[in-house]
């Protein structure tokens, strides 16, 4: 999977109590517009792709597999998310954005850049691979 890029606002929101990454509902939304890491704060700051053909507005939930610390190192592991085009195409999109749907303002956490725009034709799928070994994010 491509590298995780955190939003600057995530750090402040985390330390000010906006997130409980172990129990909040986290979702992955798709966009074809480059994120603004320094200022994007919530889902409303993202130009999400249109909801249609298997893509739902607000994206898809990424279930928490584990959220724990060991020896002072925290690791968040999420289940993979599969986007499948049905009845037409999804996209184009280039970025997968992880955000907290439970938090007030749907605060953004981070994003992954696929390097170029992707479109899924009817019947095609894309798996957002949430690394089960290293997790989506770690903090020490």
N, C-alpha and C. Protein backbone atom coordinates (compact mmCIF):
# COMPACT_ATOMS: atom_id res chain seq x y z
N UNK A 1 0.84 -1.18 0.00
CA UNK A 1 0.00 0.00 0.00
C UNK A 1 0.88 1.24 0.00
N UNK A 2 0.36 2.30 -0.53
CA UNK A 2 1.08 3.56 -0.56
C UNK A 2 1.19 4.13 0.86
N UNK A 3 2.08 5.07 1.06
CA UNK A 3 2.38 5.59 2.40
C UNK A 3 1.26 6.46 2.97
N UNK A 4 1.11 6.37 4.28
CA UNK A 4 0.18 7.19 5.05
C UNK A 4 0.75 8.60 5.21
N UNK A 5 -0.09 9.59 5.00
CA UNK A 5 0.28 10.99 5.19
C UNK A 5 -0.71 11.59 6.18
N UNK A 6 -0.25 12.06 7.33
CA UNK A 6 -1.17 12.59 8.33
C UNK A 6 -1.48 14.05 8.05
N UNK A 7 -2.70 14.44 8.41
CA UNK A 7 -3.09 15.84 8.37
C UNK A 7 -2.53 16.52 9.61
N UNK A 8 -2.08 17.75 9.49
CA UNK A 8 -1.55 18.49 10.63
C UNK A 8 -2.63 18.67 11.70
N UNK A 9 -3.86 18.90 11.27
CA UNK A 9 -4.95 19.13 12.22
C UNK A 9 -5.26 17.89 13.05
N UNK A 10 -4.91 16.71 12.55
CA UNK A 10 -5.14 15.47 13.31
C UNK A 10 -4.39 15.48 14.62
N UNK A 11 -3.16 15.96 14.60
CA UNK A 11 -2.34 15.98 15.81
C UNK A 11 -3.00 16.83 16.89
N UNK A 12 -3.43 18.02 16.54
CA UNK A 12 -4.10 18.88 17.51
C UNK A 12 -5.39 18.24 18.01
N UNK A 13 -6.19 17.73 17.07
CA UNK A 13 -7.47 17.11 17.45
C UNK A 13 -7.26 15.91 18.37
N UNK A 14 -6.21 15.14 18.12
CA UNK A 14 -5.92 13.97 18.96
C UNK A 14 -5.58 14.40 20.39
N UNK A 15 -4.72 15.39 20.52
CA UNK A 15 -4.29 15.83 21.84
C UNK A 15 -5.36 16.63 22.58
N UNK A 16 -6.35 17.12 21.86
CA UNK A 16 -7.43 17.87 22.49
C UNK A 16 -8.68 17.02 22.68
N UNK A 17 -8.56 15.71 22.48
CA UNK A 17 -9.63 14.78 22.83
C UNK A 17 -10.71 14.55 21.79
N UNK A 18 -10.47 14.89 20.54
CA UNK A 18 -11.49 14.69 19.50
C UNK A 18 -11.62 13.24 19.06
N UNK A 19 -10.58 12.44 19.28
CA UNK A 19 -10.56 11.07 18.77
C UNK A 19 -10.43 10.04 19.89
N UNK A 20 -11.18 8.95 19.76
CA UNK A 20 -10.93 7.73 20.50
C UNK A 20 -10.78 6.67 19.41
N UNK A 21 -9.58 6.52 18.92
CA UNK A 21 -9.35 5.67 17.74
C UNK A 21 -9.69 4.21 17.98
N UNK A 22 -9.81 3.80 19.23
CA UNK A 22 -10.16 2.42 19.53
C UNK A 22 -11.64 2.13 19.42
N UNK A 23 -12.48 3.17 19.51
CA UNK A 23 -13.92 2.90 19.49
C UNK A 23 -14.72 3.77 18.53
N UNK A 24 -14.17 4.87 18.04
CA UNK A 24 -14.90 5.72 17.11
C UNK A 24 -15.07 5.04 15.75
N UNK A 25 -16.05 5.49 14.99
CA UNK A 25 -16.27 4.98 13.64
C UNK A 25 -15.35 5.71 12.67
N UNK A 26 -14.42 4.97 12.09
CA UNK A 26 -13.48 5.53 11.12
C UNK A 26 -13.92 5.10 9.73
N UNK A 27 -13.82 6.02 8.78
CA UNK A 27 -14.24 5.74 7.41
C UNK A 27 -13.16 6.18 6.42
N UNK A 28 -13.23 5.59 5.23
CA UNK A 28 -12.35 5.94 4.14
C UNK A 28 -13.21 6.54 3.03
N UNK A 29 -12.89 7.78 2.66
CA UNK A 29 -13.59 8.48 1.58
C UNK A 29 -12.61 8.68 0.42
N UNK A 30 -13.14 8.80 -0.78
CA UNK A 30 -12.31 8.95 -1.97
C UNK A 30 -12.44 10.35 -2.55
N UNK A 31 -11.32 10.90 -3.03
CA UNK A 31 -11.31 12.21 -3.66
C UNK A 31 -10.28 12.21 -4.79
N UNK A 32 -10.48 13.10 -5.72
CA UNK A 32 -9.50 13.26 -6.80
C UNK A 32 -8.79 14.61 -6.68
N UNK A 33 -9.04 15.30 -5.59
CA UNK A 33 -8.43 16.61 -5.33
C UNK A 33 -7.36 16.46 -4.26
N UNK A 34 -6.19 17.00 -4.53
CA UNK A 34 -5.07 16.88 -3.58
C UNK A 34 -5.44 17.47 -2.23
N UNK A 35 -5.20 16.71 -1.16
CA UNK A 35 -5.46 17.21 0.19
C UNK A 35 -4.55 18.40 0.52
N UNK A 36 -5.04 19.28 1.37
CA UNK A 36 -4.26 20.38 1.89
C UNK A 36 -3.91 20.01 3.33
N UNK A 37 -2.75 19.41 3.51
CA UNK A 37 -2.37 18.80 4.79
C UNK A 37 -2.37 19.79 5.95
N UNK A 38 -1.99 21.01 5.70
CA UNK A 38 -1.86 21.98 6.79
C UNK A 38 -3.19 22.53 7.27
N UNK A 39 -4.21 22.53 6.41
CA UNK A 39 -5.46 23.20 6.80
C UNK A 39 -6.72 22.36 6.74
N UNK A 40 -6.76 21.28 5.98
CA UNK A 40 -7.97 20.45 5.95
C UNK A 40 -8.21 19.93 7.37
N UNK A 41 -9.44 20.10 7.85
CA UNK A 41 -9.75 19.68 9.21
C UNK A 41 -10.83 18.60 9.26
N UNK A 42 -11.79 18.66 8.35
CA UNK A 42 -12.89 17.70 8.37
C UNK A 42 -13.27 17.24 6.98
N UNK A 43 -14.18 16.29 6.94
CA UNK A 43 -14.63 15.74 5.65
C UNK A 43 -15.17 16.84 4.74
N UNK A 44 -15.77 17.88 5.32
CA UNK A 44 -16.32 18.96 4.50
C UNK A 44 -15.23 19.75 3.75
N UNK A 45 -13.98 19.59 4.16
CA UNK A 45 -12.87 20.25 3.47
C UNK A 45 -12.36 19.43 2.28
N UNK A 46 -12.88 18.23 2.13
CA UNK A 46 -12.45 17.31 1.07
C UNK A 46 -13.46 17.36 -0.08
N UNK A 47 -12.98 17.40 -1.31
CA UNK A 47 -13.87 17.34 -2.47
C UNK A 47 -14.08 15.86 -2.81
N UNK A 48 -15.00 15.26 -2.11
CA UNK A 48 -15.27 13.83 -2.27
C UNK A 48 -15.85 13.55 -3.67
N UNK A 49 -15.56 12.36 -4.21
CA UNK A 49 -16.14 12.00 -5.50
C UNK A 49 -17.65 11.81 -5.34
N UNK A 50 -18.36 11.83 -6.44
CA UNK A 50 -19.81 11.69 -6.41
C UNK A 50 -20.23 10.30 -5.96
N UNK A 51 -21.27 10.27 -5.16
CA UNK A 51 -21.84 9.00 -4.70
C UNK A 51 -22.63 8.39 -5.85
N UNK A 52 -22.22 7.22 -6.28
CA UNK A 52 -22.91 6.51 -7.37
C UNK A 52 -22.21 5.19 -7.63
N UNK A 53 -22.94 4.26 -8.17
CA UNK A 53 -22.38 3.02 -8.71
C UNK A 53 -21.56 2.22 -7.69
N UNK A 54 -22.03 2.19 -6.45
CA UNK A 54 -21.34 1.42 -5.42
C UNK A 54 -20.53 2.25 -4.46
N UNK A 55 -20.33 3.54 -4.77
CA UNK A 55 -19.63 4.42 -3.83
C UNK A 55 -20.68 5.23 -3.08
N UNK A 56 -20.62 5.19 -1.76
CA UNK A 56 -21.57 5.89 -0.91
C UNK A 56 -20.97 7.20 -0.41
N UNK A 57 -21.77 8.26 -0.40
CA UNK A 57 -21.29 9.54 0.15
C UNK A 57 -20.79 9.31 1.56
N UNK A 58 -19.64 9.85 1.86
CA UNK A 58 -19.03 9.66 3.18
C UNK A 58 -18.11 8.47 3.23
N UNK A 59 -18.03 7.71 2.16
CA UNK A 59 -17.11 6.58 2.11
C UNK A 59 -17.61 5.34 2.82
N UNK A 60 -16.66 4.48 3.18
CA UNK A 60 -16.97 3.17 3.76
C UNK A 60 -16.23 3.01 5.08
N UNK A 61 -16.90 2.39 6.03
CA UNK A 61 -16.29 2.18 7.35
C UNK A 61 -15.10 1.24 7.27
N UNK A 62 -14.06 1.60 8.02
CA UNK A 62 -12.88 0.75 8.19
C UNK A 62 -12.94 0.23 9.62
N UNK A 63 -13.37 -0.99 9.79
CA UNK A 63 -13.55 -1.57 11.13
C UNK A 63 -12.20 -1.67 11.85
N UNK A 64 -12.23 -1.40 13.14
CA UNK A 64 -11.01 -1.49 13.95
C UNK A 64 -10.73 -2.95 14.29
N UNK A 65 -9.55 -3.42 13.90
CA UNK A 65 -9.11 -4.77 14.24
C UNK A 65 -8.44 -4.78 15.60
N UNK A 66 -7.59 -3.78 15.85
CA UNK A 66 -6.98 -3.63 17.17
C UNK A 66 -6.51 -2.20 17.35
N UNK A 67 -6.51 -1.80 18.61
CA UNK A 67 -6.07 -0.47 19.00
C UNK A 67 -5.42 -0.64 20.36
N UNK A 68 -4.10 -0.67 20.37
CA UNK A 68 -3.42 -0.99 21.63
C UNK A 68 -2.02 -0.43 21.66
N UNK A 69 -1.49 -0.32 22.87
CA UNK A 69 -0.10 0.08 23.03
C UNK A 69 0.67 -1.07 23.66
N UNK A 70 1.91 -1.16 23.26
CA UNK A 70 2.85 -2.13 23.82
C UNK A 70 4.15 -1.39 24.10
N UNK A 71 4.60 -1.45 25.33
CA UNK A 71 5.85 -0.78 25.74
C UNK A 71 5.87 0.70 25.35
N UNK A 72 4.72 1.35 25.46
CA UNK A 72 4.65 2.78 25.16
C UNK A 72 4.46 3.13 23.70
N UNK A 73 4.31 2.13 22.83
CA UNK A 73 4.08 2.36 21.40
C UNK A 73 2.65 1.97 21.06
N UNK A 74 1.89 2.92 20.52
CA UNK A 74 0.50 2.69 20.15
C UNK A 74 0.43 2.31 18.67
N UNK A 75 -0.46 1.34 18.36
CA UNK A 75 -0.65 0.93 16.97
C UNK A 75 -2.14 0.74 16.71
N UNK A 76 -2.62 1.34 15.62
CA UNK A 76 -4.01 1.20 15.19
C UNK A 76 -4.03 0.31 13.96
N UNK A 77 -4.76 -0.80 14.06
CA UNK A 77 -4.91 -1.72 12.92
C UNK A 77 -6.37 -1.72 12.50
N UNK A 78 -6.61 -1.47 11.23
CA UNK A 78 -7.96 -1.46 10.68
C UNK A 78 -8.13 -2.57 9.66
N UNK A 79 -9.36 -3.00 9.46
CA UNK A 79 -9.66 -3.99 8.43
C UNK A 79 -9.60 -3.32 7.06
N UNK A 80 -9.29 -4.10 6.04
CA UNK A 80 -9.29 -3.58 4.67
C UNK A 80 -10.68 -3.08 4.29
N UNK A 81 -10.71 -2.13 3.38
CA UNK A 81 -11.97 -1.63 2.83
C UNK A 81 -11.96 -1.92 1.33
N UNK A 82 -13.04 -2.49 0.83
CA UNK A 82 -13.15 -2.82 -0.59
C UNK A 82 -14.20 -1.92 -1.23
N UNK A 83 -13.80 -1.25 -2.30
CA UNK A 83 -14.72 -0.44 -3.09
C UNK A 83 -14.96 -1.20 -4.39
N UNK A 84 -16.23 -1.46 -4.71
CA UNK A 84 -16.59 -2.21 -5.92
C UNK A 84 -17.59 -1.40 -6.74
N UNK A 85 -17.26 -1.19 -7.99
CA UNK A 85 -18.16 -0.48 -8.90
C UNK A 85 -19.29 -1.42 -9.31
N UNK A 86 -20.51 -0.91 -9.22
CA UNK A 86 -21.68 -1.71 -9.56
C UNK A 86 -22.71 -0.84 -10.28
N UNK A 87 -23.04 -1.20 -11.51
CA UNK A 87 -24.00 -0.42 -12.28
C UNK A 87 -23.39 0.75 -13.03
N UNK A 88 -22.08 0.83 -13.03
CA UNK A 88 -21.36 1.91 -13.70
C UNK A 88 -20.00 2.06 -13.04
N UNK A 89 -19.29 3.12 -13.39
CA UNK A 89 -17.93 3.28 -12.87
C UNK A 89 -17.90 4.13 -11.60
N UNK A 90 -16.81 3.98 -10.86
CA UNK A 90 -16.50 4.82 -9.70
C UNK A 90 -15.23 5.59 -10.06
N UNK A 91 -15.26 6.89 -9.78
CA UNK A 91 -14.06 7.69 -10.00
C UNK A 91 -14.23 8.65 -11.14
N UNK A 92 -13.12 9.29 -11.45
CA UNK A 92 -11.76 9.00 -11.00
C UNK A 92 -11.51 9.53 -9.59
N UNK A 93 -10.54 8.89 -8.91
CA UNK A 93 -10.07 9.33 -7.60
C UNK A 93 -8.58 9.01 -7.53
N UNK A 94 -7.88 9.74 -6.71
CA UNK A 94 -6.46 9.51 -6.53
C UNK A 94 -6.10 9.30 -5.06
N UNK A 95 -6.93 9.84 -4.18
CA UNK A 95 -6.62 9.84 -2.75
C UNK A 95 -7.70 9.11 -1.95
N UNK A 96 -7.26 8.33 -0.98
CA UNK A 96 -8.15 7.69 -0.01
C UNK A 96 -7.91 8.41 1.31
N UNK A 97 -8.97 8.99 1.87
CA UNK A 97 -8.86 9.82 3.08
C UNK A 97 -9.51 9.08 4.25
N UNK A 98 -8.75 8.91 5.32
CA UNK A 98 -9.26 8.32 6.56
C UNK A 98 -9.74 9.46 7.45
N UNK A 99 -10.99 9.33 7.93
CA UNK A 99 -11.52 10.36 8.81
C UNK A 99 -12.35 9.71 9.91
N UNK A 100 -12.63 10.50 10.95
CA UNK A 100 -13.38 10.03 12.11
C UNK A 100 -14.83 10.49 11.96
N UNK A 101 -15.72 9.55 11.66
CA UNK A 101 -17.13 9.86 11.46
C UNK A 101 -17.85 10.11 12.77
N UNK A 102 -17.28 9.69 13.89
CA UNK A 102 -17.89 9.90 15.20
C UNK A 102 -17.60 11.30 15.73
N UNK A 103 -16.41 11.78 15.48
CA UNK A 103 -15.98 13.08 16.01
C UNK A 103 -16.79 14.22 15.40
N UNK A 104 -17.02 15.23 16.20
CA UNK A 104 -17.69 16.43 15.73
C UNK A 104 -16.88 17.02 14.59
N UNK A 105 -17.51 17.27 13.46
CA UNK A 105 -16.80 17.83 12.31
C UNK A 105 -16.15 16.80 11.41
N UNK A 106 -16.35 15.50 11.71
CA UNK A 106 -15.79 14.44 10.87
C UNK A 106 -14.30 14.69 10.60
N UNK A 107 -13.53 14.87 11.67
CA UNK A 107 -12.11 15.24 11.55
C UNK A 107 -11.32 14.25 10.71
N UNK A 108 -10.49 14.80 9.82
CA UNK A 108 -9.62 13.99 8.97
C UNK A 108 -8.41 13.54 9.78
N UNK A 109 -7.91 12.36 9.44
CA UNK A 109 -6.77 11.78 10.13
C UNK A 109 -5.56 11.74 9.20
N UNK A 110 -5.73 11.14 8.04
CA UNK A 110 -4.64 11.02 7.10
C UNK A 110 -5.15 10.58 5.74
N UNK A 111 -4.24 10.48 4.79
CA UNK A 111 -4.64 10.07 3.44
C UNK A 111 -3.52 9.27 2.78
N UNK A 112 -3.90 8.57 1.73
CA UNK A 112 -2.97 7.79 0.90
C UNK A 112 -3.12 8.28 -0.53
N UNK A 113 -1.99 8.48 -1.20
CA UNK A 113 -1.96 8.97 -2.58
C UNK A 113 -1.60 7.80 -3.48
N UNK A 114 -2.50 7.46 -4.41
CA UNK A 114 -2.26 6.35 -5.33
C UNK A 114 -1.34 6.74 -6.48
N UNK A 115 -0.88 7.99 -6.54
CA UNK A 115 0.09 8.41 -7.54
C UNK A 115 -0.50 8.93 -8.83
N UNK A 116 -1.67 8.45 -9.19
CA UNK A 116 -2.38 8.94 -10.36
C UNK A 116 -3.85 8.57 -10.18
N UNK A 117 -4.69 9.20 -10.98
CA UNK A 117 -6.13 8.95 -10.85
C UNK A 117 -6.49 7.53 -11.22
N UNK A 118 -7.43 6.99 -10.47
CA UNK A 118 -7.91 5.62 -10.66
C UNK A 118 -9.40 5.67 -10.93
N UNK A 119 -9.87 4.88 -11.88
CA UNK A 119 -11.30 4.71 -12.11
C UNK A 119 -11.59 3.22 -12.10
N UNK A 120 -12.69 2.85 -11.48
CA UNK A 120 -13.11 1.45 -11.45
C UNK A 120 -14.26 1.27 -12.42
N UNK A 121 -14.10 0.40 -13.38
CA UNK A 121 -15.18 0.09 -14.32
C UNK A 121 -16.19 -0.82 -13.61
N UNK A 122 -17.37 -0.87 -14.14
CA UNK A 122 -18.43 -1.71 -13.58
C UNK A 122 -17.90 -3.13 -13.31
N UNK A 123 -18.02 -3.57 -12.07
CA UNK A 123 -17.57 -4.91 -11.68
C UNK A 123 -16.15 -4.95 -11.12
N UNK A 124 -15.37 -3.89 -11.30
CA UNK A 124 -14.00 -3.86 -10.78
C UNK A 124 -14.00 -3.43 -9.31
N UNK A 125 -12.97 -3.87 -8.59
CA UNK A 125 -12.83 -3.53 -7.17
C UNK A 125 -11.44 -2.98 -6.89
N UNK A 126 -11.36 -2.19 -5.83
CA UNK A 126 -10.09 -1.71 -5.31
C UNK A 126 -10.12 -1.98 -3.81
N UNK A 127 -9.06 -2.59 -3.31
CA UNK A 127 -8.96 -2.85 -1.88
C UNK A 127 -8.00 -1.84 -1.26
N UNK A 128 -8.54 -1.04 -0.33
CA UNK A 128 -7.71 -0.16 0.48
C UNK A 128 -7.11 -1.07 1.53
N UNK A 129 -5.82 -1.32 1.41
CA UNK A 129 -5.13 -2.31 2.23
C UNK A 129 -4.60 -1.68 3.51
N UNK A 130 -5.25 -2.00 4.61
CA UNK A 130 -4.83 -1.48 5.92
C UNK A 130 -3.83 -2.48 6.52
N UNK A 131 -2.58 -2.19 6.38
CA UNK A 131 -1.47 -3.05 6.79
C UNK A 131 -1.72 -3.73 8.15
N UNK A 132 -1.95 -5.05 8.15
CA UNK A 132 -2.25 -5.75 9.41
C UNK A 132 -1.03 -5.93 10.32
N UNK A 133 0.15 -5.75 9.79
CA UNK A 133 1.37 -5.91 10.60
C UNK A 133 1.78 -4.61 11.26
N UNK A 134 1.93 -3.56 10.47
CA UNK A 134 2.38 -2.27 10.98
C UNK A 134 1.24 -1.34 11.39
N UNK A 135 0.02 -1.71 11.00
CA UNK A 135 -1.13 -0.87 11.30
C UNK A 135 -1.23 0.32 10.37
N UNK A 136 -2.31 1.05 10.54
CA UNK A 136 -2.54 2.25 9.75
C UNK A 136 -1.65 3.38 10.25
N UNK A 137 -1.50 3.45 11.57
CA UNK A 137 -0.63 4.46 12.14
C UNK A 137 -0.08 3.96 13.46
N UNK A 138 1.08 4.50 13.82
CA UNK A 138 1.72 4.19 15.10
C UNK A 138 2.17 5.49 15.74
N UNK A 139 2.17 5.50 17.06
CA UNK A 139 2.67 6.66 17.80
C UNK A 139 3.45 6.18 18.99
N UNK A 140 4.54 6.87 19.28
CA UNK A 140 5.37 6.49 20.41
C UNK A 140 5.51 7.66 21.38
